[in-house]
Amino acid sequence: MNVMKTIAAAALFSVAGAAAQAADLASEWATIKAPDMPALQKVTADPKTTALLVMDFMKTSCTEQTRPRCAASVAPVKKLLDEARAKGVTIIYTVAGTDASMANFLPELASKPGEPILAARADKFLNPDLEKTLKEKGIKTVIPVGTAANGAVLYTATGAAYRNYDVLLPIDGLSGSSAFSEQITVWQLVNGPGLADRVKLTKTDMISF
């Protein structure tokens, strides 16, 4: 009987300790100050070996009403897309959601004939056709733009870096449901293990071909 009481007491102590630790963490997190914004870099990409990944700008999820931060990113992405096309950069599209087709993509960012369109969830490398296409075209650098920041952009950029592609990350070409989701995406991509040497932080108007 004493053994049972001892076990019960130990269990209660463990639960109490875990609760106290969680409370301490919550208090600590509440005091965290956001790190300084990393420096942005002007970059020049080789059109022959660069791919622009245009990800998931779907009509239903990228509007002023549903996701205004996505809507705000459309203009700079359109400008970058036009410049990339003019220079012969490889353009690859991805679609997502229950309406995953180019018919449901934002018309101002829609694909042109011959530009691949792939369906995949957050990490676009889950569709093996992405890496196959990049290898066939001799791509060495990718520029991921899209929504959501902490979904398609984060996981696809990470996947690219881990596959030894250089990543040019324009901060005005990614959008999240909040500024925080964009911030943590950028922080992770420039600080995560094995990522810092591959990822360069930039803006759409700081990229030239």
N, C-alpha and C. Protein backbone atom coordinates (compact mmCIF):
# COMPACT_ATOMS: atom_id res chain seq x y z
N MET A 1 0.83 -1.20 0.00
CA MET A 1 0.00 0.00 0.00
C MET A 1 0.86 1.25 0.00
N ASN A 2 1.92 1.22 0.78
CA ASN A 2 2.83 2.35 0.84
C ASN A 2 3.50 2.59 -0.51
N VAL A 3 3.77 1.46 -1.21
CA VAL A 3 4.39 1.57 -2.53
C VAL A 3 3.45 2.30 -3.49
N MET A 4 2.16 1.95 -3.43
CA MET A 4 1.17 2.58 -4.29
C MET A 4 1.07 4.08 -3.99
N LYS A 5 1.09 4.43 -2.72
CA LYS A 5 1.03 5.84 -2.34
C LYS A 5 2.26 6.58 -2.85
N THR A 6 3.40 5.93 -2.77
CA THR A 6 4.64 6.56 -3.24
C THR A 6 4.59 6.81 -4.73
N ILE A 7 4.08 5.82 -5.48
CA ILE A 7 3.97 5.96 -6.93
C ILE A 7 3.00 7.08 -7.29
N ALA A 8 1.87 7.13 -6.58
CA ALA A 8 0.88 8.17 -6.83
C ALA A 8 1.45 9.55 -6.54
N ALA A 9 2.19 9.65 -5.43
CA ALA A 9 2.79 10.93 -5.07
C ALA A 9 3.82 11.36 -6.11
N ALA A 10 4.60 10.40 -6.59
CA ALA A 10 5.61 10.71 -7.61
C ALA A 10 4.94 11.18 -8.89
N ALA A 11 3.82 10.54 -9.24
CA ALA A 11 3.11 10.93 -10.45
C ALA A 11 2.57 12.34 -10.33
N LEU A 12 2.00 12.66 -9.18
CA LEU A 12 1.46 13.99 -8.95
C LEU A 12 2.57 15.03 -9.00
N PHE A 13 3.71 14.68 -8.43
CA PHE A 13 4.86 15.60 -8.44
C PHE A 13 5.34 15.84 -9.86
N SER A 14 5.35 14.76 -10.66
CA SER A 14 5.78 14.89 -12.05
C SER A 14 4.84 15.80 -12.84
N VAL A 15 3.54 15.60 -12.66
CA VAL A 15 2.56 16.42 -13.36
C VAL A 15 2.68 17.88 -12.94
N ALA A 16 2.83 18.09 -11.64
CA ALA A 16 2.96 19.45 -11.13
C ALA A 16 4.22 20.11 -11.68
N GLY A 17 5.30 19.32 -11.75
CA GLY A 17 6.55 19.86 -12.28
C GLY A 17 6.44 20.23 -13.74
N ALA A 18 5.75 19.38 -14.52
CA ALA A 18 5.56 19.66 -15.95
C ALA A 18 4.73 20.91 -16.14
N ALA A 19 3.69 21.07 -15.32
CA ALA A 19 2.84 22.25 -15.42
C ALA A 19 3.61 23.52 -15.08
N ALA A 20 4.45 23.42 -14.06
CA ALA A 20 5.26 24.57 -13.67
C ALA A 20 6.26 24.94 -14.77
N GLN A 21 6.84 23.90 -15.37
CA GLN A 21 7.80 24.15 -16.45
C GLN A 21 7.10 24.82 -17.64
N ALA A 22 5.89 24.33 -17.98
CA ALA A 22 5.14 24.92 -19.08
C ALA A 22 4.82 26.39 -18.79
N ALA A 23 4.44 26.65 -17.56
CA ALA A 23 4.13 28.03 -17.18
C ALA A 23 5.37 28.91 -17.27
N ASP A 24 6.52 28.37 -16.86
CA ASP A 24 7.77 29.12 -16.96
C ASP A 24 8.12 29.42 -18.42
N LEU A 25 7.92 28.42 -19.30
CA LEU A 25 8.20 28.62 -20.71
C LEU A 25 7.29 29.70 -21.30
N ALA A 26 6.01 29.62 -20.95
CA ALA A 26 5.06 30.60 -21.46
C ALA A 26 5.45 32.01 -21.02
N SER A 27 5.88 32.13 -19.77
CA SER A 27 6.32 33.44 -19.27
C SER A 27 7.57 33.91 -20.00
N GLU A 28 8.49 32.97 -20.23
CA GLU A 28 9.72 33.32 -20.93
C GLU A 28 9.43 33.74 -22.37
N TRP A 29 8.58 32.97 -23.06
CA TRP A 29 8.26 33.30 -24.45
C TRP A 29 7.61 34.67 -24.57
N ALA A 30 6.83 35.06 -23.57
CA ALA A 30 6.14 36.34 -23.61
C ALA A 30 7.12 37.51 -23.59
N THR A 31 8.36 37.27 -23.15
CA THR A 31 9.34 38.36 -23.06
C THR A 31 10.29 38.41 -24.26
N ILE A 32 10.13 37.47 -25.19
CA ILE A 32 11.08 37.40 -26.30
C ILE A 32 10.92 38.58 -27.24
N LYS A 33 12.04 39.19 -27.58
CA LYS A 33 12.06 40.28 -28.55
C LYS A 33 12.45 39.70 -29.91
N ALA A 34 11.73 40.11 -30.93
CA ALA A 34 12.03 39.62 -32.28
C ALA A 34 13.44 40.00 -32.68
N PRO A 35 14.17 39.10 -33.34
CA PRO A 35 15.53 39.44 -33.79
C PRO A 35 15.49 40.50 -34.87
N ASP A 36 16.62 41.15 -35.06
CA ASP A 36 16.71 42.17 -36.10
C ASP A 36 16.51 41.55 -37.48
N MET A 37 15.99 42.35 -38.37
CA MET A 37 15.79 41.92 -39.75
C MET A 37 17.13 41.63 -40.40
N PRO A 38 17.31 40.45 -41.00
CA PRO A 38 18.57 40.17 -41.70
C PRO A 38 18.76 41.12 -42.88
N ALA A 39 19.99 41.32 -43.26
CA ALA A 39 20.29 42.21 -44.38
C ALA A 39 19.79 41.62 -45.69
N LEU A 40 19.24 42.49 -46.55
CA LEU A 40 18.81 42.08 -47.88
C LEU A 40 19.96 42.25 -48.86
N GLN A 41 20.02 41.38 -49.85
CA GLN A 41 21.13 41.40 -50.80
C GLN A 41 20.64 41.62 -52.23
N LYS A 42 21.35 42.46 -52.97
CA LYS A 42 21.13 42.52 -54.41
C LYS A 42 21.77 41.29 -55.03
N VAL A 43 21.04 40.65 -55.93
CA VAL A 43 21.55 39.41 -56.50
C VAL A 43 21.33 39.41 -58.01
N THR A 44 22.22 38.74 -58.70
CA THR A 44 22.09 38.53 -60.14
C THR A 44 22.04 37.03 -60.39
N ALA A 45 20.96 36.60 -61.04
CA ALA A 45 20.76 35.17 -61.30
C ALA A 45 20.99 34.87 -62.78
N ASP A 46 21.61 33.75 -63.05
CA ASP A 46 21.84 33.31 -64.42
C ASP A 46 20.52 32.77 -64.98
N PRO A 47 19.96 33.37 -66.01
CA PRO A 47 18.68 32.91 -66.54
C PRO A 47 18.69 31.45 -66.98
N LYS A 48 19.84 30.98 -67.45
CA LYS A 48 19.92 29.61 -67.98
C LYS A 48 19.83 28.55 -66.88
N THR A 49 20.21 28.92 -65.67
CA THR A 49 20.27 27.92 -64.60
C THR A 49 19.38 28.28 -63.40
N THR A 50 18.42 29.17 -63.64
CA THR A 50 17.54 29.63 -62.55
C THR A 50 16.09 29.28 -62.87
N ALA A 51 15.35 28.87 -61.84
CA ALA A 51 13.92 28.60 -61.99
C ALA A 51 13.15 29.46 -60.99
N LEU A 52 12.10 30.08 -61.47
CA LEU A 52 11.17 30.81 -60.62
C LEU A 52 10.00 29.89 -60.30
N LEU A 53 9.80 29.60 -59.02
CA LEU A 53 8.72 28.73 -58.59
C LEU A 53 7.55 29.59 -58.13
N VAL A 54 6.45 29.54 -58.85
CA VAL A 54 5.27 30.37 -58.56
C VAL A 54 4.23 29.45 -57.94
N MET A 55 4.03 29.61 -56.61
CA MET A 55 3.32 28.57 -55.86
C MET A 55 2.00 29.02 -55.25
N ASP A 56 0.92 28.40 -55.71
CA ASP A 56 -0.36 28.37 -54.99
C ASP A 56 -1.09 29.71 -54.86
N PHE A 57 -0.96 30.56 -55.85
CA PHE A 57 -1.73 31.81 -55.84
C PHE A 57 -3.15 31.52 -56.35
N MET A 58 -3.94 30.85 -55.54
CA MET A 58 -5.27 30.42 -55.95
C MET A 58 -6.31 31.53 -55.73
N LYS A 59 -7.28 31.60 -56.63
CA LYS A 59 -8.32 32.64 -56.54
C LYS A 59 -9.04 32.64 -55.20
N THR A 60 -9.29 31.45 -54.67
CA THR A 60 -10.11 31.36 -53.45
C THR A 60 -9.36 31.75 -52.19
N SER A 61 -8.04 31.72 -52.24
CA SER A 61 -7.27 31.97 -51.01
C SER A 61 -6.36 33.18 -51.09
N CYS A 62 -6.42 33.92 -52.18
CA CYS A 62 -5.53 35.09 -52.32
C CYS A 62 -6.36 36.29 -52.76
N THR A 63 -7.17 36.79 -51.83
CA THR A 63 -8.01 37.95 -52.11
C THR A 63 -7.86 38.96 -50.97
N GLU A 64 -8.29 40.17 -51.22
CA GLU A 64 -8.26 41.20 -50.18
C GLU A 64 -9.09 40.79 -48.97
N GLN A 65 -10.15 40.06 -49.21
CA GLN A 65 -11.05 39.67 -48.13
C GLN A 65 -10.51 38.50 -47.32
N THR A 66 -10.01 37.48 -48.00
CA THR A 66 -9.58 36.27 -47.31
C THR A 66 -8.15 36.35 -46.79
N ARG A 67 -7.24 36.89 -47.61
CA ARG A 67 -5.83 36.94 -47.22
C ARG A 67 -5.19 38.18 -47.83
N PRO A 68 -5.39 39.33 -47.21
CA PRO A 68 -4.89 40.58 -47.79
C PRO A 68 -3.38 40.61 -47.98
N ARG A 69 -2.63 39.90 -47.17
CA ARG A 69 -1.17 39.91 -47.32
C ARG A 69 -0.77 39.20 -48.62
N CYS A 70 -1.53 38.20 -48.99
CA CYS A 70 -1.28 37.53 -50.27
C CYS A 70 -1.60 38.48 -51.42
N ALA A 71 -2.75 39.14 -51.33
CA ALA A 71 -3.14 40.07 -52.38
C ALA A 71 -2.09 41.17 -52.58
N ALA A 72 -1.49 41.63 -51.49
CA ALA A 72 -0.48 42.67 -51.58
C ALA A 72 0.81 42.20 -52.26
N SER A 73 1.04 40.90 -52.27
CA SER A 73 2.27 40.38 -52.88
C SER A 73 2.14 40.15 -54.38
N VAL A 74 0.93 40.24 -54.90
CA VAL A 74 0.71 39.91 -56.31
C VAL A 74 1.46 40.85 -57.25
N ALA A 75 1.39 42.16 -57.00
CA ALA A 75 2.05 43.12 -57.90
C ALA A 75 3.56 42.91 -58.00
N PRO A 76 4.30 42.80 -56.88
CA PRO A 76 5.74 42.56 -57.03
C PRO A 76 6.07 41.21 -57.66
N VAL A 77 5.26 40.20 -57.38
CA VAL A 77 5.50 38.90 -58.01
C VAL A 77 5.25 38.98 -59.51
N LYS A 78 4.21 39.70 -59.91
CA LYS A 78 3.91 39.86 -61.35
C LYS A 78 5.07 40.55 -62.06
N LYS A 79 5.63 41.58 -61.46
CA LYS A 79 6.76 42.28 -62.06
C LYS A 79 7.96 41.35 -62.21
N LEU A 80 8.26 40.59 -61.17
CA LEU A 80 9.37 39.64 -61.22
C LEU A 80 9.11 38.57 -62.28
N LEU A 81 7.88 38.07 -62.33
CA LEU A 81 7.51 37.05 -63.31
C LEU A 81 7.70 37.55 -64.73
N ASP A 82 7.26 38.76 -65.01
CA ASP A 82 7.42 39.34 -66.35
C ASP A 82 8.89 39.48 -66.72
N GLU A 83 9.70 39.94 -65.77
CA GLU A 83 11.14 40.11 -66.03
C GLU A 83 11.81 38.75 -66.25
N ALA A 84 11.42 37.77 -65.46
CA ALA A 84 12.01 36.44 -65.61
C ALA A 84 11.66 35.83 -66.97
N ARG A 85 10.41 35.96 -67.36
CA ARG A 85 9.99 35.44 -68.67
C ARG A 85 10.77 36.11 -69.80
N ALA A 86 10.92 37.42 -69.69
CA ALA A 86 11.61 38.17 -70.74
C ALA A 86 13.07 37.73 -70.90
N LYS A 87 13.64 37.22 -69.83
CA LYS A 87 15.04 36.79 -69.85
C LYS A 87 15.19 35.29 -70.10
N GLY A 88 14.09 34.58 -70.28
CA GLY A 88 14.16 33.15 -70.56
C GLY A 88 14.37 32.27 -69.35
N VAL A 89 14.04 32.79 -68.17
CA VAL A 89 14.15 31.99 -66.94
C VAL A 89 13.10 30.89 -66.97
N THR A 90 13.43 29.73 -66.46
CA THR A 90 12.47 28.64 -66.33
C THR A 90 11.40 29.01 -65.30
N ILE A 91 10.13 28.89 -65.68
CA ILE A 91 9.02 29.18 -64.77
C ILE A 91 8.29 27.87 -64.49
N ILE A 92 8.11 27.57 -63.20
CA ILE A 92 7.40 26.36 -62.80
C ILE A 92 6.29 26.75 -61.84
N TYR A 93 5.11 26.25 -62.09
CA TYR A 93 3.94 26.55 -61.27
C TYR A 93 3.57 25.38 -60.38
N THR A 94 3.00 25.70 -59.22
CA THR A 94 2.38 24.67 -58.40
C THR A 94 0.98 25.13 -58.02
N VAL A 95 0.09 24.17 -57.88
CA VAL A 95 -1.29 24.43 -57.47
C VAL A 95 -1.60 23.57 -56.26
N ALA A 96 -2.54 24.03 -55.43
CA ALA A 96 -2.85 23.31 -54.19
C ALA A 96 -4.31 23.49 -53.84
N GLY A 97 -4.76 22.66 -52.89
CA GLY A 97 -6.13 22.77 -52.39
C GLY A 97 -7.10 21.93 -53.19
N THR A 98 -8.37 22.03 -52.84
CA THR A 98 -9.40 21.24 -53.52
C THR A 98 -9.65 21.74 -54.94
N ASP A 99 -9.24 22.97 -55.22
CA ASP A 99 -9.41 23.55 -56.55
C ASP A 99 -8.08 23.62 -57.29
N ALA A 100 -7.28 22.55 -57.16
CA ALA A 100 -5.90 22.54 -57.65
C ALA A 100 -5.83 22.39 -59.17
N SER A 101 -6.06 23.49 -59.86
CA SER A 101 -5.87 23.54 -61.31
C SER A 101 -5.57 24.97 -61.71
N MET A 102 -4.97 25.14 -62.88
CA MET A 102 -4.63 26.49 -63.31
C MET A 102 -5.88 27.32 -63.60
N ALA A 103 -7.01 26.67 -63.82
CA ALA A 103 -8.26 27.40 -64.03
C ALA A 103 -8.63 28.21 -62.79
N ASN A 104 -8.14 27.81 -61.63
CA ASN A 104 -8.45 28.50 -60.38
C ASN A 104 -7.28 29.33 -59.85
N PHE A 105 -6.26 29.53 -60.70
CA PHE A 105 -5.11 30.36 -60.34
C PHE A 105 -5.45 31.82 -60.62
N LEU A 106 -4.80 32.75 -59.91
CA LEU A 106 -5.01 34.17 -60.19
C LEU A 106 -4.64 34.45 -61.65
N PRO A 107 -5.55 35.03 -62.43
CA PRO A 107 -5.27 35.22 -63.87
C PRO A 107 -4.06 36.09 -64.15
N GLU A 108 -3.79 37.08 -63.31
CA GLU A 108 -2.65 37.96 -63.57
C GLU A 108 -1.30 37.26 -63.37
N LEU A 109 -1.32 36.13 -62.71
CA LEU A 109 -0.08 35.37 -62.50
C LEU A 109 -0.11 34.02 -63.21
N ALA A 110 -1.08 33.80 -64.06
CA ALA A 110 -1.29 32.49 -64.66
C ALA A 110 -0.14 32.07 -65.56
N SER A 111 -0.07 30.77 -65.80
CA SER A 111 1.02 30.20 -66.60
C SER A 111 0.85 30.51 -68.09
N LYS A 112 1.94 30.40 -68.81
CA LYS A 112 1.95 30.49 -70.26
C LYS A 112 2.17 29.08 -70.82
N PRO A 113 1.82 28.86 -72.08
CA PRO A 113 2.04 27.54 -72.68
C PRO A 113 3.49 27.07 -72.53
N GLY A 114 3.63 25.82 -72.14
CA GLY A 114 4.96 25.24 -71.99
C GLY A 114 5.54 25.34 -70.60
N GLU A 115 4.90 26.11 -69.71
CA GLU A 115 5.40 26.22 -68.34
C GLU A 115 4.78 25.11 -67.49
N PRO A 116 5.61 24.28 -66.86
CA PRO A 116 5.08 23.14 -66.10
C PRO A 116 4.17 23.56 -64.95
N ILE A 117 3.14 22.75 -64.72
CA ILE A 117 2.20 22.97 -63.63
C ILE A 117 2.14 21.68 -62.80
N LEU A 118 2.51 21.79 -61.52
CA LEU A 118 2.58 20.60 -60.66
C LEU A 118 1.63 20.75 -59.49
N ALA A 119 1.05 19.66 -59.09
CA ALA A 119 0.18 19.65 -57.90
C ALA A 119 0.92 18.97 -56.76
N ALA A 120 0.93 19.62 -55.61
CA ALA A 120 1.58 19.05 -54.43
C ALA A 120 1.15 19.85 -53.21
N ARG A 121 1.34 19.26 -52.04
CA ARG A 121 1.04 19.98 -50.81
C ARG A 121 2.24 20.86 -50.45
N ALA A 122 2.38 21.22 -49.18
CA ALA A 122 3.34 22.26 -48.77
C ALA A 122 4.74 22.09 -49.36
N ASP A 123 5.33 20.91 -49.21
CA ASP A 123 6.66 20.67 -49.77
C ASP A 123 6.47 20.20 -51.21
N LYS A 124 6.75 21.06 -52.16
CA LYS A 124 6.50 20.73 -53.56
C LYS A 124 7.41 19.64 -54.08
N PHE A 125 8.48 19.35 -53.36
CA PHE A 125 9.35 18.24 -53.75
C PHE A 125 8.70 16.89 -53.46
N LEU A 126 7.56 16.89 -52.77
CA LEU A 126 6.81 15.65 -52.61
C LEU A 126 6.28 15.16 -53.95
N ASN A 127 6.15 16.08 -54.90
CA ASN A 127 5.87 15.69 -56.28
C ASN A 127 7.21 15.50 -56.97
N PRO A 128 7.58 14.26 -57.30
CA PRO A 128 8.92 14.02 -57.86
C PRO A 128 9.16 14.71 -59.19
N ASP A 129 8.09 15.16 -59.84
CA ASP A 129 8.28 15.85 -61.12
C ASP A 129 8.99 17.19 -60.96
N LEU A 130 8.94 17.77 -59.75
CA LEU A 130 9.63 19.04 -59.55
C LEU A 130 11.14 18.84 -59.69
N GLU A 131 11.69 17.93 -58.93
CA GLU A 131 13.14 17.73 -59.02
C GLU A 131 13.53 17.20 -60.39
N LYS A 132 12.71 16.36 -60.97
CA LYS A 132 12.98 15.84 -62.32
C LYS A 132 13.08 16.99 -63.32
N THR A 133 12.14 17.92 -63.24
CA THR A 133 12.15 19.06 -64.15
C THR A 133 13.37 19.95 -63.93
N LEU A 134 13.69 20.21 -62.66
CA LEU A 134 14.86 21.04 -62.35
C LEU A 134 16.14 20.41 -62.90
N LYS A 135 16.29 19.12 -62.75
CA LYS A 135 17.50 18.44 -63.22
C LYS A 135 17.56 18.44 -64.75
N GLU A 136 16.42 18.18 -65.38
CA GLU A 136 16.40 18.16 -66.85
C GLU A 136 16.80 19.49 -67.45
N LYS A 137 16.45 20.57 -66.77
CA LYS A 137 16.74 21.91 -67.28
C LYS A 137 18.07 22.47 -66.77
N GLY A 138 18.79 21.68 -65.99
CA GLY A 138 20.10 22.12 -65.51
C GLY A 138 20.02 23.26 -64.51
N ILE A 139 18.96 23.27 -63.70
CA ILE A 139 18.76 24.36 -62.75
C ILE A 139 19.70 24.23 -61.55
N LYS A 140 20.27 25.36 -61.15
CA LYS A 140 21.13 25.41 -59.97
C LYS A 140 20.58 26.35 -58.89
N THR A 141 19.73 27.28 -59.30
CA THR A 141 19.18 28.28 -58.39
C THR A 141 17.67 28.34 -58.52
N VAL A 142 16.97 28.43 -57.40
CA VAL A 142 15.52 28.58 -57.43
C VAL A 142 15.12 29.86 -56.69
N ILE A 143 14.04 30.46 -57.19
CA ILE A 143 13.45 31.63 -56.54
C ILE A 143 12.02 31.25 -56.18
N PRO A 144 11.76 30.93 -54.90
CA PRO A 144 10.41 30.52 -54.52
C PRO A 144 9.56 31.74 -54.14
N VAL A 145 8.42 31.89 -54.80
CA VAL A 145 7.45 32.90 -54.41
C VAL A 145 6.11 32.20 -54.27
N GLY A 146 5.32 32.66 -53.29
CA GLY A 146 4.04 31.99 -53.13
C GLY A 146 3.42 32.21 -51.77
N THR A 147 2.44 31.42 -51.52
CA THR A 147 1.66 31.48 -50.31
C THR A 147 1.27 30.05 -49.97
N ALA A 148 1.35 29.63 -48.76
CA ALA A 148 1.62 30.41 -47.56
C ALA A 148 3.11 30.39 -47.22
N ALA A 149 3.55 31.47 -46.57
CA ALA A 149 4.97 31.58 -46.23
C ALA A 149 5.46 30.39 -45.43
N ASN A 150 4.72 30.05 -44.38
CA ASN A 150 5.17 28.95 -43.51
C ASN A 150 4.67 27.60 -43.99
N GLY A 151 4.23 27.54 -45.24
CA GLY A 151 3.84 26.29 -45.86
C GLY A 151 4.69 26.05 -47.09
N ALA A 152 4.15 26.40 -48.26
CA ALA A 152 4.84 26.13 -49.52
C ALA A 152 6.22 26.75 -49.59
N VAL A 153 6.35 28.01 -49.17
CA VAL A 153 7.65 28.69 -49.29
C VAL A 153 8.67 28.06 -48.35
N LEU A 154 8.30 27.91 -47.10
CA LEU A 154 9.24 27.36 -46.11
C LEU A 154 9.71 25.96 -46.49
N TYR A 155 8.77 25.07 -46.77
CA TYR A 155 9.15 23.67 -46.97
C TYR A 155 9.79 23.44 -48.33
N THR A 156 9.35 24.16 -49.35
CA THR A 156 9.95 23.98 -50.67
C THR A 156 11.34 24.59 -50.73
N ALA A 157 11.50 25.77 -50.13
CA ALA A 157 12.83 26.38 -50.07
C ALA A 157 13.80 25.51 -49.27
N THR A 158 13.32 24.96 -48.17
CA THR A 158 14.15 24.05 -47.38
C THR A 158 14.53 22.82 -48.19
N GLY A 159 13.54 22.24 -48.86
CA GLY A 159 13.80 21.07 -49.70
C GLY A 159 14.81 21.37 -50.79
N ALA A 160 14.72 22.56 -51.38
CA ALA A 160 15.67 22.93 -52.42
C ALA A 160 17.09 23.05 -51.87
N ALA A 161 17.22 23.74 -50.73
CA ALA A 161 18.54 23.91 -50.13
C ALA A 161 19.16 22.57 -49.75
N TYR A 162 18.36 21.67 -49.21
CA TYR A 162 18.88 20.36 -48.82
C TYR A 162 19.22 19.49 -50.02
N ARG A 163 18.73 19.89 -51.19
CA ARG A 163 19.09 19.18 -52.42
C ARG A 163 20.18 19.92 -53.19
N ASN A 164 20.83 20.86 -52.50
CA ASN A 164 21.98 21.59 -53.03
C ASN A 164 21.65 22.61 -54.11
N TYR A 165 20.43 23.12 -54.10
CA TYR A 165 20.11 24.27 -54.95
C TYR A 165 20.34 25.54 -54.14
N ASP A 166 20.81 26.59 -54.81
CA ASP A 166 20.86 27.90 -54.17
C ASP A 166 19.46 28.49 -54.19
N VAL A 167 19.11 29.21 -53.12
CA VAL A 167 17.76 29.75 -52.97
C VAL A 167 17.84 31.26 -52.83
N LEU A 168 17.17 31.98 -53.74
CA LEU A 168 17.02 33.43 -53.62
C LEU A 168 15.61 33.67 -53.09
N LEU A 169 15.52 34.26 -51.91
CA LEU A 169 14.25 34.38 -51.20
C LEU A 169 13.79 35.84 -51.14
N PRO A 170 12.88 36.28 -52.03
CA PRO A 170 12.39 37.66 -51.97
C PRO A 170 11.30 37.81 -50.92
N ILE A 171 11.53 38.68 -49.94
CA ILE A 171 10.60 38.77 -48.82
C ILE A 171 9.25 39.35 -49.21
N ASP A 172 9.18 40.07 -50.34
CA ASP A 172 7.89 40.60 -50.78
C ASP A 172 7.19 39.66 -51.75
N GLY A 173 7.74 38.47 -51.91
CA GLY A 173 7.13 37.47 -52.78
C GLY A 173 6.59 36.28 -52.01
N LEU A 174 6.60 36.38 -50.69
CA LEU A 174 6.02 35.33 -49.87
C LEU A 174 4.97 35.97 -48.98
N SER A 175 3.94 35.27 -48.68
CA SER A 175 2.89 35.86 -47.84
C SER A 175 2.34 34.81 -46.90
N GLY A 176 1.98 35.28 -45.71
CA GLY A 176 1.38 34.41 -44.71
C GLY A 176 0.09 35.01 -44.21
N SER A 177 -0.53 34.33 -43.29
CA SER A 177 -1.76 34.84 -42.71
C SER A 177 -1.49 36.00 -41.75
N SER A 178 -0.21 36.16 -41.38
CA SER A 178 0.19 37.26 -40.48
C SER A 178 1.64 37.60 -40.75
N ALA A 179 2.06 38.77 -40.27
CA ALA A 179 3.47 39.16 -40.40
C ALA A 179 4.36 38.18 -39.63
N PHE A 180 3.83 37.64 -38.54
CA PHE A 180 4.63 36.71 -37.73
C PHE A 180 4.96 35.45 -38.52
N SER A 181 4.00 34.92 -39.26
CA SER A 181 4.28 33.69 -40.02
C SER A 181 5.33 33.94 -41.09
N GLU A 182 5.34 35.14 -41.66
CA GLU A 182 6.37 35.49 -42.64
C GLU A 182 7.73 35.65 -41.95
N GLN A 183 7.72 36.27 -40.78
CA GLN A 183 8.96 36.49 -40.05
C GLN A 183 9.62 35.19 -39.64
N ILE A 184 8.83 34.26 -39.11
CA ILE A 184 9.44 33.00 -38.67
C ILE A 184 9.93 32.18 -39.86
N THR A 185 9.26 32.32 -41.00
CA THR A 185 9.71 31.63 -42.21
C THR A 185 11.07 32.14 -42.64
N VAL A 186 11.20 33.46 -42.70
CA VAL A 186 12.48 34.06 -43.09
C VAL A 186 13.57 33.71 -42.08
N TRP A 187 13.25 33.81 -40.79
CA TRP A 187 14.25 33.51 -39.77
C TRP A 187 14.75 32.07 -39.92
N GLN A 188 13.82 31.13 -40.09
CA GLN A 188 14.22 29.74 -40.20
C GLN A 188 15.07 29.49 -41.43
N LEU A 189 14.72 30.11 -42.54
CA LEU A 189 15.45 29.85 -43.79
C LEU A 189 16.84 30.46 -43.81
N VAL A 190 17.08 31.48 -43.01
CA VAL A 190 18.43 32.04 -42.98
C VAL A 190 19.22 31.60 -41.75
N ASN A 191 18.58 30.85 -40.87
CA ASN A 191 19.27 30.38 -39.66
C ASN A 191 19.23 28.87 -39.45
N GLY A 192 18.36 28.19 -40.16
CA GLY A 192 18.20 26.75 -39.94
C GLY A 192 19.43 25.95 -40.29
N PRO A 193 19.61 24.79 -39.68
CA PRO A 193 20.77 23.94 -39.97
C PRO A 193 20.85 23.59 -41.45
N GLY A 194 22.01 23.83 -42.03
CA GLY A 194 22.23 23.50 -43.43
C GLY A 194 21.58 24.43 -44.42
N LEU A 195 20.99 25.53 -43.95
CA LEU A 195 20.28 26.44 -44.85
C LEU A 195 21.02 27.75 -45.11
N ALA A 196 21.71 28.25 -44.11
CA ALA A 196 22.32 29.58 -44.19
C ALA A 196 23.26 29.72 -45.39
N ASP A 197 24.00 28.68 -45.74
CA ASP A 197 24.95 28.76 -46.84
C ASP A 197 24.28 28.72 -48.20
N ARG A 198 23.01 28.36 -48.23
CA ARG A 198 22.30 28.21 -49.50
C ARG A 198 21.28 29.31 -49.77
N VAL A 199 20.81 29.97 -48.73
CA VAL A 199 19.70 30.92 -48.87
C VAL A 199 20.20 32.35 -48.81
N LYS A 200 19.80 33.16 -49.79
CA LYS A 200 20.08 34.59 -49.79
C LYS A 200 18.76 35.35 -49.70
N LEU A 201 18.69 36.27 -48.77
CA LEU A 201 17.49 37.06 -48.55
C LEU A 201 17.53 38.31 -49.42
N THR A 202 16.43 38.56 -50.13
CA THR A 202 16.42 39.66 -51.08
C THR A 202 15.00 40.20 -51.23
N LYS A 203 14.78 41.06 -52.23
CA LYS A 203 13.44 41.54 -52.60
C LYS A 203 13.29 41.38 -54.11
N THR A 204 12.04 41.42 -54.57
CA THR A 204 11.83 41.20 -56.00
C THR A 204 12.55 42.24 -56.85
N ASP A 205 12.62 43.49 -56.38
CA ASP A 205 13.28 44.53 -57.18
C ASP A 205 14.79 44.59 -56.96
N MET A 206 15.31 43.62 -56.19
CA MET A 206 16.76 43.52 -56.01
C MET A 206 17.33 42.31 -56.75
N ILE A 207 16.47 41.66 -57.53
CA ILE A 207 16.89 40.50 -58.33
C ILE A 207 17.00 40.92 -59.79
N SER A 208 18.13 40.64 -60.41
CA SER A 208 18.30 40.89 -61.85
C SER A 208 18.76 39.60 -62.52
N PHE A 209 18.52 39.56 -63.82
CA PHE A 209 18.88 38.36 -64.60
C PHE A 209 19.84 38.74 -65.74
